[in-house]
Amino acid sequence: MFETTDFLFTAETTPGVTTDLAGSVGKVEELSVVADAVNVTDSPNCKSRLNGLLVASEIQRSGLDVILQLTGRDRNQIALESVLLGALSVGVNKILCLTGDQPEKGMGLWLLINLK
């Protein structure tokens, strides 16, 4: 993947508030004709959703390249390292690290933030 110097086109998907893994994966399979890779979000807008790593792994198994988005918003260092180990163990090796959205209520963990 990404062996070309041409423009790279990615699409983005947000896992659903569901346990229907096949449905979350199925909605992006037709993107393979137009997208070089699919970004899988990590609970955007501080809303619980199906685990992004699980969805990314299944999308990749279907033949599409994936970029897993990983936010540090509600994870400490151990939790972040665990997600990274899990991602690498299933072959998801393209990861976009983000701070994450600010919760409307309460406070995020914010132990680790983006480097500036």
PDB file of N, CA and C in Angstrom:
ATOM      1  N   MET A   1       0.839  -1.192   0.000  1.00  0.00           N
ATOM      2  CA  MET A   1       0.000   0.000   0.000  1.00  0.00           C
ATOM      3  C   MET A   1       0.875   1.244   0.000  1.00  0.00           C
ATOM      4  N   PHE A   2       0.384   2.302  -0.541  1.00  0.00           N
ATOM      5  CA  PHE A   2       1.033   3.610  -0.554  1.00  0.00           C
ATOM      6  C   PHE A   2       2.384   3.568  -1.264  1.00  0.00           C
ATOM      7  N   GLU A   3       2.498   2.753  -2.298  1.00  0.00           N
ATOM      8  CA  GLU A   3       3.752   2.653  -3.027  1.00  0.00           C
ATOM      9  C   GLU A   3       3.849   3.657  -4.157  1.00  0.00           C
ATOM     10  N   THR A   4       2.832   4.428  -4.371  1.00  0.00           N
ATOM     11  CA  THR A   4       2.812   5.375  -5.469  1.00  0.00           C
ATOM     12  C   THR A   4       3.132   6.778  -4.965  1.00  0.00           C
ATOM     13  N   THR A   5       3.607   7.611  -5.859  1.00  0.00           N
ATOM     14  CA  THR A   5       3.830   9.011  -5.501  1.00  0.00           C
ATOM     15  C   THR A   5       2.650   9.867  -5.921  1.00  0.00           C
ATOM     16  N   ASP A   6       1.631   9.220  -6.474  1.00  0.00           N
ATOM     17  CA  ASP A   6       0.427   9.932  -6.873  1.00  0.00           C
ATOM     18  C   ASP A   6      -0.387  10.336  -5.651  1.00  0.00           C
ATOM     19  N   PHE A   7      -1.413  11.118  -5.912  1.00  0.00           N
ATOM     20  CA  PHE A   7      -2.336  11.546  -4.870  1.00  0.00           C
ATOM     21  C   PHE A   7      -2.986  10.331  -4.220  1.00  0.00           C
ATOM     22  N   LEU A   8      -3.102  10.341  -2.914  1.00  0.00           N
ATOM     23  CA  LEU A   8      -3.709   9.244  -2.171  1.00  0.00           C
ATOM     24  C   LEU A   8      -5.117   9.641  -1.757  1.00  0.00           C
ATOM     25  N   PHE A   9      -6.092   8.795  -2.050  1.00  0.00           N
ATOM     26  CA  PHE A   9      -7.478   9.076  -1.702  1.00  0.00           C
ATOM     27  C   PHE A   9      -7.932   8.105  -0.625  1.00  0.00           C
ATOM     28  N   THR A  10      -8.395   8.652   0.504  1.00  0.00           N
ATOM     29  CA  THR A  10      -8.931   7.808   1.570  1.00  0.00           C
ATOM     30  C   THR A  10     -10.375   8.193   1.843  1.00  0.00           C
ATOM     31  N   ALA A  11     -11.120   7.238   2.322  1.00  0.00           N
ATOM     32  CA  ALA A  11     -12.497   7.466   2.761  1.00  0.00           C
ATOM     33  C   ALA A  11     -12.522   7.258   4.272  1.00  0.00           C
ATOM     34  N   GLU A  12     -13.571   7.724   4.912  1.00  0.00           N
ATOM     35  CA  GLU A  12     -13.670   7.582   6.366  1.00  0.00           C
ATOM     36  C   GLU A  12     -14.981   6.904   6.722  1.00  0.00           C
ATOM     37  N   THR A  13     -14.920   6.022   7.693  1.00  0.00           N
ATOM     38  CA  THR A  13     -16.129   5.395   8.199  1.00  0.00           C
ATOM     39  C   THR A  13     -16.142   5.480   9.717  1.00  0.00           C
ATOM     40  N   THR A  14     -17.325   5.629  10.244  1.00  0.00           N
ATOM     41  CA  THR A  14     -17.521   5.642  11.690  1.00  0.00           C
ATOM     42  C   THR A  14     -18.307   4.396  12.059  1.00  0.00           C
ATOM     43  N   PRO A  15     -17.728   3.518  12.885  1.00  0.00           N
ATOM     44  CA  PRO A  15     -18.475   2.336  13.308  1.00  0.00           C
ATOM     45  C   PRO A  15     -19.801   2.734  13.943  1.00  0.00           C
ATOM     46  N   GLY A  16     -20.793   1.890  13.769  1.00  0.00           N
ATOM     47  CA  GLY A  16     -22.125   2.198  14.262  1.00  0.00           C
ATOM     48  C   GLY A  16     -22.302   1.947  15.750  1.00  0.00           C
ATOM     49  N   VAL A  17     -23.418   2.436  16.255  1.00  0.00           N
ATOM     50  CA  VAL A  17     -23.828   2.149  17.628  1.00  0.00           C
ATOM     51  C   VAL A  17     -24.632   0.855  17.533  1.00  0.00           C
ATOM     52  N   THR A  18     -23.911  -0.235  17.362  1.00  0.00           N
ATOM     53  CA  THR A  18     -24.540  -1.509  17.044  1.00  0.00           C
ATOM     54  C   THR A  18     -23.593  -2.646  17.378  1.00  0.00           C
ATOM     55  N   THR A  19     -24.108  -3.843  17.364  1.00  0.00           N
ATOM     56  CA  THR A  19     -23.260  -5.028  17.456  1.00  0.00           C
ATOM     57  C   THR A  19     -23.158  -5.720  16.102  1.00  0.00           C
ATOM     58  N   ASP A  20     -23.678  -5.083  15.062  1.00  0.00           N
ATOM     59  CA  ASP A  20     -23.691  -5.646  13.710  1.00  0.00           C
ATOM     60  C   ASP A  20     -22.371  -5.353  13.005  1.00  0.00           C
ATOM     61  N   LEU A  21     -21.386  -6.205  13.246  1.00  0.00           N
ATOM     62  CA  LEU A  21     -20.070  -6.016  12.644  1.00  0.00           C
ATOM     63  C   LEU A  21     -20.136  -6.119  11.126  1.00  0.00           C
ATOM     64  N   ALA A  22     -20.889  -7.069  10.626  1.00  0.00           N
ATOM     65  CA  ALA A  22     -20.998  -7.245   9.171  1.00  0.00           C
ATOM     66  C   ALA A  22     -21.578  -6.001   8.508  1.00  0.00           C
ATOM     67  N   GLY A  23     -22.538  -5.362   9.151  1.00  0.00           N
ATOM     68  CA  GLY A  23     -23.125  -4.144   8.602  1.00  0.00           C
ATOM     69  C   GLY A  23     -22.135  -2.999   8.574  1.00  0.00           C
ATOM     70  N   SER A  24     -21.325  -2.883   9.627  1.00  0.00           N
ATOM     71  CA  SER A  24     -20.321  -1.819   9.679  1.00  0.00           C
ATOM     72  C   SER A  24     -19.263  -2.011   8.606  1.00  0.00           C
ATOM     73  N   VAL A  25     -18.909  -3.255   8.343  1.00  0.00           N
ATOM     74  CA  VAL A  25     -17.903  -3.550   7.324  1.00  0.00           C
ATOM     75  C   VAL A  25     -18.511  -3.453   5.927  1.00  0.00           C
ATOM     76  N   GLY A  26     -19.716  -3.952   5.765  1.00  0.00           N
ATOM     77  CA  GLY A  26     -20.366  -3.980   4.461  1.00  0.00           C
ATOM     78  C   GLY A  26     -20.574  -2.620   3.842  1.00  0.00           C
ATOM     79  N   LYS A  27     -20.779  -1.604   4.680  1.00  0.00           N
ATOM     80  CA  LYS A  27     -21.051  -0.281   4.123  1.00  0.00           C
ATOM     81  C   LYS A  27     -19.839   0.355   3.457  1.00  0.00           C
ATOM     82  N   VAL A  28     -18.642  -0.187   3.674  1.00  0.00           N
ATOM     83  CA  VAL A  28     -17.454   0.403   3.052  1.00  0.00           C
ATOM     84  C   VAL A  28     -16.845  -0.469   1.961  1.00  0.00           C
ATOM     85  N   GLU A  29     -17.330  -1.681   1.794  1.00  0.00           N
ATOM     86  CA  GLU A  29     -16.720  -2.576   0.807  1.00  0.00           C
ATOM     87  C   GLU A  29     -16.764  -2.015  -0.611  1.00  0.00           C
ATOM     88  N   GLU A  30     -17.810  -1.292  -0.949  1.00  0.00           N
ATOM     89  CA  GLU A  30     -17.895  -0.747  -2.306  1.00  0.00           C
ATOM     90  C   GLU A  30     -16.928   0.415  -2.529  1.00  0.00           C
ATOM     91  N   LEU A  31     -16.298   0.913  -1.469  1.00  0.00           N
ATOM     92  CA  LEU A  31     -15.329   2.001  -1.618  1.00  0.00           C
ATOM     93  C   LEU A  31     -14.016   1.528  -2.231  1.00  0.00           C
ATOM     94  N   SER A  32     -13.812   0.226  -2.304  1.00  0.00           N
ATOM     95  CA  SER A  32     -12.542  -0.297  -2.799  1.00  0.00           C
ATOM     96  C   SER A  32     -12.235   0.142  -4.229  1.00  0.00           C
ATOM     97  N   VAL A  33     -13.251   0.513  -4.988  1.00  0.00           N
ATOM     98  CA  VAL A  33     -13.004   0.939  -6.368  1.00  0.00           C
ATOM     99  C   VAL A  33     -12.558   2.395  -6.452  1.00  0.00           C
ATOM    100  N   VAL A  34     -12.764   3.172  -5.393  1.00  0.00           N
ATOM    101  CA  VAL A  34     -12.402   4.592  -5.445  1.00  0.00           C
ATOM    102  C   VAL A  34     -11.394   5.010  -4.384  1.00  0.00           C
ATOM    103  N   ALA A  35     -11.283   4.275  -3.297  1.00  0.00           N
ATOM    104  CA  ALA A  35     -10.409   4.695  -2.199  1.00  0.00           C
ATOM    105  C   ALA A  35      -9.182   3.795  -2.102  1.00  0.00           C
ATOM    106  N   ASP A  36      -8.041   4.414  -1.795  1.00  0.00           N
ATOM    107  CA  ASP A  36      -6.815   3.651  -1.557  1.00  0.00           C
ATOM    108  C   ASP A  36      -6.833   3.007  -0.176  1.00  0.00           C
ATOM    109  N   ALA A  37      -7.532   3.638   0.754  1.00  0.00           N
ATOM    110  CA  ALA A  37      -7.619   3.129   2.129  1.00  0.00           C
ATOM    111  C   ALA A  37      -8.850   3.724   2.794  1.00  0.00           C
ATOM    112  N   VAL A  38      -9.239   3.119   3.901  1.00  0.00           N
ATOM    113  CA  VAL A  38     -10.382   3.597   4.673  1.00  0.00           C
ATOM    114  C   VAL A  38      -9.907   3.954   6.078  1.00  0.00           C
ATOM    115  N   ASN A  39     -10.193   5.183   6.504  1.00  0.00           N
ATOM    116  CA  ASN A  39      -9.943   5.605   7.883  1.00  0.00           C
ATOM    117  C   ASN A  39     -11.098   5.115   8.739  1.00  0.00           C
ATOM    118  N   VAL A  40     -10.794   4.485   9.864  1.00  0.00           N
ATOM    119  CA  VAL A  40     -11.818   4.026  10.795  1.00  0.00           C
ATOM    120  C   VAL A  40     -11.705   4.885  12.047  1.00  0.00           C
ATOM    121  N   THR A  41     -12.780   5.613  12.362  1.00  0.00           N
ATOM    122  CA  THR A  41     -12.747   6.563  13.472  1.00  0.00           C
ATOM    123  C   THR A  41     -12.799   5.858  14.826  1.00  0.00           C
ATOM    124  N   ASP A  42     -12.499   6.628  15.866  1.00  0.00           N
ATOM    125  CA  ASP A  42     -12.430   6.130  17.239  1.00  0.00           C
ATOM    126  C   ASP A  42     -13.423   6.897  18.105  1.00  0.00           C
ATOM    127  N   SER A  43     -14.656   6.443  18.129  1.00  0.00           N
ATOM    128  CA  SER A  43     -15.718   7.041  18.956  1.00  0.00           C
ATOM    129  C   SER A  43     -15.752   8.568  18.862  1.00  0.00           C
ATOM    130  N   PRO A  44     -16.006   9.109  17.643  1.00  0.00           N
ATOM    131  CA  PRO A  44     -16.045  10.567  17.497  1.00  0.00           C
ATOM    132  C   PRO A  44     -17.174  11.195  18.305  1.00  0.00           C
ATOM    133  N   ASN A  45     -16.996  12.456  18.620  1.00  0.00           N
ATOM    134  CA  ASN A  45     -17.966  13.234  19.399  1.00  0.00           C
ATOM    135  C   ASN A  45     -18.242  12.622  20.761  1.00  0.00           C
ATOM    136  N   CYS A  46     -17.286  11.856  21.270  1.00  0.00           N
ATOM    137  CA  CYS A  46     -17.385  11.253  22.613  1.00  0.00           C
ATOM    138  C   CYS A  46     -18.609  10.364  22.758  1.00  0.00           C
ATOM    139  N   LYS A  47     -18.962   9.647  21.715  1.00  0.00           N
ATOM    140  CA  LYS A  47     -20.112   8.743  21.735  1.00  0.00           C
ATOM    141  C   LYS A  47     -19.617   7.301  21.635  1.00  0.00           C
ATOM    142  N   SER A  48     -20.186   6.423  22.428  1.00  0.00           N
ATOM    143  CA  SER A  48     -19.817   5.011  22.380  1.00  0.00           C
ATOM    144  C   SER A  48     -20.255   4.399  21.059  1.00  0.00           C
ATOM    145  N   ARG A  49     -19.350   3.622  20.468  1.00  0.00           N
ATOM    146  CA  ARG A  49     -19.620   2.960  19.198  1.00  0.00           C
ATOM    147  C   ARG A  49     -18.906   1.616  19.194  1.00  0.00           C
ATOM    148  N   LEU A  50     -19.178   0.830  18.179  1.00  0.00           N
ATOM    149  CA  LEU A  50     -18.474  -0.427  18.004  1.00  0.00           C
ATOM    150  C   LEU A  50     -16.975  -0.139  17.943  1.00  0.00           C
ATOM    151  N   ASN A  51     -16.174  -0.989  18.529  1.00  0.00           N
ATOM    152  CA  ASN A  51     -14.733  -0.783  18.625  1.00  0.00           C
ATOM    153  C   ASN A  51     -14.095  -0.617  17.247  1.00  0.00           C
ATOM    154  N   GLY A  52     -13.365   0.482  17.064  1.00  0.00           N
ATOM    155  CA  GLY A  52     -12.757   0.800  15.776  1.00  0.00           C
ATOM    156  C   GLY A  52     -11.722  -0.213  15.327  1.00  0.00           C
ATOM    157  N   LEU A  53     -10.956  -0.765  16.264  1.00  0.00           N
ATOM    158  CA  LEU A  53      -9.951  -1.760  15.897  1.00  0.00           C
ATOM    159  C   LEU A  53     -10.615  -3.018  15.354  1.00  0.00           C
ATOM    160  N   LEU A  54     -11.698  -3.424  15.962  1.00  0.00           N
ATOM    161  CA  LEU A  54     -12.432  -4.597  15.477  1.00  0.00           C
ATOM    162  C   LEU A  54     -12.930  -4.364  14.053  1.00  0.00           C
ATOM    163  N   VAL A  55     -13.519  -3.200  13.824  1.00  0.00           N
ATOM    164  CA  VAL A  55     -14.030  -2.864  12.491  1.00  0.00           C
ATOM    165  C   VAL A  55     -12.876  -2.756  11.488  1.00  0.00           C
ATOM    166  N   ALA A  56     -11.790  -2.099  11.877  1.00  0.00           N
ATOM    167  CA  ALA A  56     -10.637  -1.951  10.983  1.00  0.00           C
ATOM    168  C   ALA A  56     -10.071  -3.310  10.590  1.00  0.00           C
ATOM    169  N   SER A  57      -9.972  -4.201  11.547  1.00  0.00           N
ATOM    170  CA  SER A  57      -9.450  -5.537  11.276  1.00  0.00           C
ATOM    171  C   SER A  57     -10.322  -6.281  10.269  1.00  0.00           C
ATOM    172  N   GLU A  58     -11.621  -6.196  10.436  1.00  0.00           N
ATOM    173  CA  GLU A  58     -12.541  -6.881   9.519  1.00  0.00           C
ATOM    174  C   GLU A  58     -12.530  -6.247   8.125  1.00  0.00           C
ATOM    175  N   ILE A  59     -12.435  -4.924   8.068  1.00  0.00           N
ATOM    176  CA  ILE A  59     -12.354  -4.252   6.765  1.00  0.00           C
ATOM    177  C   ILE A  59     -11.086  -4.689   6.039  1.00  0.00           C
ATOM    178  N   GLN A  60      -9.995  -4.747   6.769  1.00  0.00           N
ATOM    179  CA  GLN A  60      -8.730  -5.162   6.162  1.00  0.00           C
ATOM    180  C   GLN A  60      -8.814  -6.612   5.678  1.00  0.00           C
ATOM    181  N   ARG A  61      -9.471  -7.470   6.426  1.00  0.00           N
ATOM    182  CA  ARG A  61      -9.645  -8.873   6.017  1.00  0.00           C
ATOM    183  C   ARG A  61     -10.470  -8.981   4.736  1.00  0.00           C
ATOM    184  N   SER A  62     -11.321  -7.969   4.490  1.00  0.00           N
ATOM    185  CA  SER A  62     -12.133  -7.990   3.267  1.00  0.00           C
ATOM    186  C   SER A  62     -11.350  -7.493   2.054  1.00  0.00           C
ATOM    187  N   GLY A  63     -10.116  -7.037   2.268  1.00  0.00           N
ATOM    188  CA  GLY A  63      -9.267  -6.655   1.150  1.00  0.00           C
ATOM    189  C   GLY A  63      -8.954  -5.176   1.024  1.00  0.00           C
ATOM    190  N   LEU A  64      -9.578  -4.340   1.836  1.00  0.00           N
ATOM    191  CA  LEU A  64      -9.288  -2.904   1.801  1.00  0.00           C
ATOM    192  C   LEU A  64      -8.184  -2.571   2.800  1.00  0.00           C
ATOM    193  N   ASP A  65      -7.330  -1.627   2.447  1.00  0.00           N
ATOM    194  CA  ASP A  65      -6.347  -1.132   3.405  1.00  0.00           C
ATOM    195  C   ASP A  65      -7.044  -0.190   4.375  1.00  0.00           C
ATOM    196  N   VAL A  66      -6.579  -0.185   5.616  1.00  0.00           N
ATOM    197  CA  VAL A  66      -7.212   0.653   6.635  1.00  0.00           C
ATOM    198  C   VAL A  66      -6.187   1.516   7.350  1.00  0.00           C
ATOM    199  N   ILE A  67      -6.689   2.633   7.851  1.00  0.00           N
ATOM    200  CA  ILE A  67      -5.934   3.505   8.747  1.00  0.00           C
ATOM    201  C   ILE A  67      -6.792   3.631   9.997  1.00  0.00           C
ATOM    202  N   LEU A  68      -6.295   3.121  11.106  1.00  0.00           N
ATOM    203  CA  LEU A  68      -7.035   3.174  12.363  1.00  0.00           C
ATOM    204  C   LEU A  68      -6.774   4.509  13.043  1.00  0.00           C
ATOM    205  N   GLN A  69      -7.829   5.221  13.369  1.00  0.00           N
ATOM    206  CA  GLN A  69      -7.682   6.441  14.157  1.00  0.00           C
ATOM    207  C   GLN A  69      -7.702   6.049  15.630  1.00  0.00           C
ATOM    208  N   LEU A  70      -6.756   6.569  16.392  1.00  0.00           N
ATOM    209  CA  LEU A  70      -6.628   6.239  17.809  1.00  0.00           C
ATOM    210  C   LEU A  70      -6.550   7.530  18.606  1.00  0.00           C
ATOM    211  N   THR A  71      -7.527   7.731  19.479  1.00  0.00           N
ATOM    212  CA  THR A  71      -7.533   8.946  20.293  1.00  0.00           C
ATOM    213  C   THR A  71      -7.041   8.641  21.701  1.00  0.00           C
ATOM    214  N   GLY A  72      -6.363   9.619  22.279  1.00  0.00           N
ATOM    215  CA  GLY A  72      -5.879   9.489  23.646  1.00  0.00           C
ATOM    216  C   GLY A  72      -6.840  10.046  24.669  1.00  0.00           C
ATOM    217  N   ARG A  73      -7.996  10.479  24.227  1.00  0.00           N
ATOM    218  CA  ARG A  73      -8.947  11.184  25.083  1.00  0.00           C
ATOM    219  C   ARG A  73      -9.268  10.447  26.376  1.00  0.00           C
ATOM    220  N   ASP A  74      -9.616   9.198  26.314  1.00  0.00           N
ATOM    221  CA  ASP A  74     -10.037   8.472  27.512  1.00  0.00           C
ATOM    222  C   ASP A  74      -9.170   7.254  27.787  1.00  0.00           C
ATOM    223  N   ARG A  75      -7.910   7.332  27.398  1.00  0.00           N
ATOM    224  CA  ARG A  75      -7.021   6.192  27.592  1.00  0.00           C
ATOM    225  C   ARG A  75      -5.734   6.634  28.276  1.00  0.00           C
ATOM    226  N   ASN A  76      -5.285   5.814  29.201  1.00  0.00           N
ATOM    227  CA  ASN A  76      -3.970   6.066  29.777  1.00  0.00           C
ATOM    228  C   ASN A  76      -2.923   5.359  28.913  1.00  0.00           C
ATOM    229  N   GLN A  77      -1.672   5.432  29.307  1.00  0.00           N
ATOM    230  CA  GLN A  77      -0.592   4.872  28.497  1.00  0.00           C
ATOM    231  C   GLN A  77      -0.752   3.363  28.305  1.00  0.00           C
ATOM    232  N   ILE A  78      -1.149   2.662  29.347  1.00  0.00           N
ATOM    233  CA  ILE A  78      -1.319   1.211  29.246  1.00  0.00           C
ATOM    234  C   ILE A  78      -2.412   0.868  28.239  1.00  0.00           C
ATOM    235  N   ALA A  79      -3.518   1.588  28.286  1.00  0.00           N
ATOM    236  CA  ALA A  79      -4.620   1.333  27.353  1.00  0.00           C
ATOM    237  C   ALA A  79      -4.199   1.621  25.914  1.00  0.00           C
ATOM    238  N   LEU A  80      -3.463   2.711  25.695  1.00  0.00           N
ATOM    239  CA  LEU A  80      -2.991   3.038  24.345  1.00  0.00           C
ATOM    240  C   LEU A  80      -2.044   1.958  23.825  1.00  0.00           C
ATOM    241  N   GLU A  81      -1.127   1.529  24.682  1.00  0.00           N
ATOM    242  CA  GLU A  81      -0.188   0.487  24.273  1.00  0.00           C
ATOM    243  C   GLU A  81      -0.921  -0.820  23.966  1.00  0.00           C
ATOM    244  N   SER A  82      -1.960  -1.126  24.726  1.00  0.00           N
ATOM    245  CA  SER A  82      -2.738  -2.342  24.485  1.00  0.00           C
ATOM    246  C   SER A  82      -3.423  -2.298  23.128  1.00  0.00           C
ATOM    247  N   VAL A  83      -3.989  -1.147  22.767  1.00  0.00           N
ATOM    248  CA  VAL A  83      -4.626  -1.011  21.454  1.00  0.00           C
ATOM    249  C   VAL A  83      -3.582  -1.167  20.353  1.00  0.00           C
ATOM    250  N   LEU A  84      -2.422  -0.559  20.531  1.00  0.00           N
ATOM    251  CA  LEU A  84      -1.366  -0.670  19.520  1.00  0.00           C
ATOM    252  C   LEU A  84      -0.900  -2.114  19.359  1.00  0.00           C
ATOM    253  N   LEU A  85      -0.728  -2.824  20.466  1.00  0.00           N
ATOM    254  CA  LEU A  85      -0.339  -4.234  20.388  1.00  0.00           C
ATOM    255  C   LEU A  85      -1.414  -5.055  19.682  1.00  0.00           C
ATOM    256  N   GLY A  86      -2.668  -4.778  20.010  1.00  0.00           N
ATOM    257  CA  GLY A  86      -3.768  -5.477  19.351  1.00  0.00           C
ATOM    258  C   GLY A  86      -3.799  -5.198  17.861  1.00  0.00           C
ATOM    259  N   ALA A  87      -3.605  -3.931  17.501  1.00  0.00           N
ATOM    260  CA  ALA A  87      -3.616  -3.555  16.084  1.00  0.00           C
ATOM    261  C   ALA A  87      -2.511  -4.285  15.321  1.00  0.00           C
ATOM    262  N   LEU A  88      -1.325  -4.266  15.866  1.00  0.00           N
ATOM    263  CA  LEU A  88      -0.211  -4.932  15.190  1.00  0.00           C
ATOM    264  C   LEU A  88      -0.419  -6.438  15.115  1.00  0.00           C
ATOM    265  N   SER A  89      -1.050  -7.014  16.129  1.00  0.00           N
ATOM    266  CA  SER A  89      -1.257  -8.467  16.136  1.00  0.00           C
ATOM    267  C   SER A  89      -2.236  -8.923  15.060  1.00  0.00           C
ATOM    268  N   VAL A  90      -3.135  -8.041  14.623  1.00  0.00           N
ATOM    269  CA  VAL A  90      -4.081  -8.404  13.554  1.00  0.00           C
ATOM    270  C   VAL A  90      -3.692  -7.775  12.218  1.00  0.00           C
ATOM    271  N   GLY A  91      -2.507  -7.171  12.150  1.00  0.00           N
ATOM    272  CA  GLY A  91      -2.008  -6.650  10.884  1.00  0.00           C
ATOM    273  C   GLY A  91      -2.433  -5.236  10.543  1.00  0.00           C
ATOM    274  N   VAL A  92      -3.054  -4.537  11.477  1.00  0.00           N
ATOM    275  CA  VAL A  92      -3.417  -3.132  11.249  1.00  0.00           C
ATOM    276  C   VAL A  92      -2.206  -2.300  11.668  1.00  0.00           C
ATOM    277  N   ASN A  93      -1.446  -1.807  10.686  1.00  0.00           N
ATOM    278  CA  ASN A  93      -0.197  -1.118  11.012  1.00  0.00           C
ATOM    279  C   ASN A  93      -0.148   0.331  10.535  1.00  0.00           C
ATOM    280  N   LYS A  94      -1.281   0.858  10.138  1.00  0.00           N
ATOM    281  CA  LYS A  94      -1.368   2.279   9.781  1.00  0.00           C
ATOM    282  C   LYS A  94      -2.304   2.930  10.784  1.00  0.00           C
ATOM    283  N   ILE A  95      -1.739   3.797  11.621  1.00  0.00           N
ATOM    284  CA  ILE A  95      -2.499   4.359  12.737  1.00  0.00           C
ATOM    285  C   ILE A  95      -2.316   5.867  12.761  1.00  0.00           C
ATOM    286  N   LEU A  96      -3.434   6.570  12.842  1.00  0.00           N
ATOM    287  CA  LEU A  96      -3.437   8.025  12.951  1.00  0.00           C
ATOM    288  C   LEU A  96      -3.782   8.369  14.397  1.00  0.00           C
ATOM    289  N   CYS A  97      -2.823   8.937  15.122  1.00  0.00           N
ATOM    290  CA  CYS A  97      -3.036   9.278  16.532  1.00  0.00           C
ATOM    291  C   CYS A  97      -3.582  10.698  16.644  1.00  0.00           C
ATOM    292  N   LEU A  98      -4.657  10.835  17.411  1.00  0.00           N
ATOM    293  CA  LEU A  98      -5.344  12.112  17.589  1.00  0.00           C
ATOM    294  C   LEU A  98      -5.621  12.344  19.067  1.00  0.00           C
ATOM    295  N   THR A  99      -5.809  13.598  19.430  1.00  0.00           N
ATOM    296  CA  THR A  99      -6.162  13.916  20.808  1.00  0.00           C
ATOM    297  C   THR A  99      -7.548  13.410  21.141  1.00  0.00           C
ATOM    298  N   GLY A 100      -8.511  13.674  20.293  1.00  0.00           N
ATOM    299  CA  GLY A 100      -9.900  13.285  20.540  1.00  0.00           C
ATOM    300  C   GLY A 100     -10.749  14.502  20.845  1.00  0.00           C
ATOM    301  N   ASP A 101     -12.051  14.329  20.718  1.00  0.00           N
ATOM    302  CA  ASP A 101     -12.991  15.424  20.948  1.00  0.00           C
ATOM    303  C   ASP A 101     -13.168  15.698  22.438  1.00  0.00           C
ATOM    304  N   GLN A 102     -13.452  16.948  22.756  1.00  0.00           N
ATOM    305  CA  GLN A 102     -13.721  17.353  24.136  1.00  0.00           C
ATOM    306  C   GLN A 102     -15.119  16.872  24.535  1.00  0.00           C
ATOM    307  N   PRO A 103     -15.247  16.134  25.649  1.00  0.00           N
ATOM    308  CA  PRO A 103     -16.580  15.698  26.085  1.00  0.00           C
ATOM    309  C   PRO A 103     -17.466  16.882  26.456  1.00  0.00           C
ATOM    310  N   GLU A 104     -18.772  16.758  26.159  1.00  0.00           N
ATOM    311  CA  GLU A 104     -19.715  17.811  26.541  1.00  0.00           C
ATOM    312  C   GLU A 104     -19.902  17.852  28.050  1.00  0.00           C
ATOM    313  N   LYS A 105     -19.908  16.683  28.668  1.00  0.00           N
ATOM    314  CA  LYS A 105     -20.067  16.591  30.117  1.00  0.00           C
ATOM    315  C   LYS A 105     -18.860  15.876  30.693  1.00  0.00           C
ATOM    316  N   GLY A 106     -18.458  16.271  31.874  1.00  0.00           N
ATOM    317  CA  GLY A 106     -17.332  15.610  32.514  1.00  0.00           C
ATOM    318  C   GLY A 106     -16.016  15.992  31.876  1.00  0.00           C
ATOM    319  N   MET A 107     -15.017  15.186  32.166  1.00  0.00           N
ATOM    320  CA  MET A 107     -13.675  15.462  31.673  1.00  0.00           C
ATOM    321  C   MET A 107     -13.110  14.205  31.025  1.00  0.00           C
ATOM    322  N   GLY A 108     -12.337  14.391  29.985  1.00  0.00           N
ATOM    323  CA  GLY A 108     -11.613  13.275  29.398  1.00  0.00           C
ATOM    324  C   GLY A 108     -10.389  12.983  30.245  1.00  0.00           C
ATOM    325  N   LEU A 109      -9.759  11.869  29.995  1.00  0.00           N
ATOM    326  CA  LEU A 109      -8.573  11.502  30.761  1.00  0.00           C
ATOM    327  C   LEU A 109      -7.390  12.398  30.413  1.00  0.00           C
ATOM    328  N   TRP A 110      -7.142  12.618  29.132  1.00  0.00           N
ATOM    329  CA  TRP A 110      -6.112  13.533  28.635  1.00  0.00           C
ATOM    330  C   TRP A 110      -4.731  13.300  29.235  1.00  0.00           C
ATOM    331  N   LEU A 111      -4.412  12.071  29.609  1.00  0.00           N
ATOM    332  CA  LEU A 111      -3.093  11.796  30.156  1.00  0.00           C
ATOM    333  C   LEU A 111      -2.012  12.056  29.113  1.00  0.00           C
ATOM    334  N   LEU A 112      -2.285  11.613  27.909  1.00  0.00           N
ATOM    335  CA  LEU A 112      -1.351  11.837  26.809  1.00  0.00           C
ATOM    336  C   LEU A 112      -2.013  12.750  25.800  1.00  0.00           C
ATOM    337  N   ILE A 113      -1.291  13.743  25.327  1.00  0.00           N
ATOM    338  CA  ILE A 113      -1.841  14.666  24.338  1.00  0.00           C
ATOM    339  C   ILE A 113      -0.938  14.679  23.113  1.00  0.00           C
ATOM    340  N   ASN A 114      -1.430  15.273  22.027  1.00  0.00           N
ATOM    341  CA  ASN A 114      -0.622  15.382  20.811  1.00  0.00           C
ATOM    342  C   ASN A 114       0.658  16.144  21.090  1.00  0.00           C
ATOM    343  N   LEU A 115       1.728  15.702  20.474  1.00  0.00           N
ATOM    344  CA  LEU A 115       2.986  16.434  20.568  1.00  0.00           C
ATOM    345  C   LEU A 115       2.925  17.619  19.633  1.00  0.00           C
ATOM    346  N   LYS A 116       3.456  18.726  20.051  1.00  0.00           N
ATOM    347  CA  LYS A 116       3.432  19.924  19.211  1.00  0.00           C
ATOM    348  C   LYS A 116       4.808  20.217  18.688  1.00  0.00           C
TER     349      LYS A 116
END
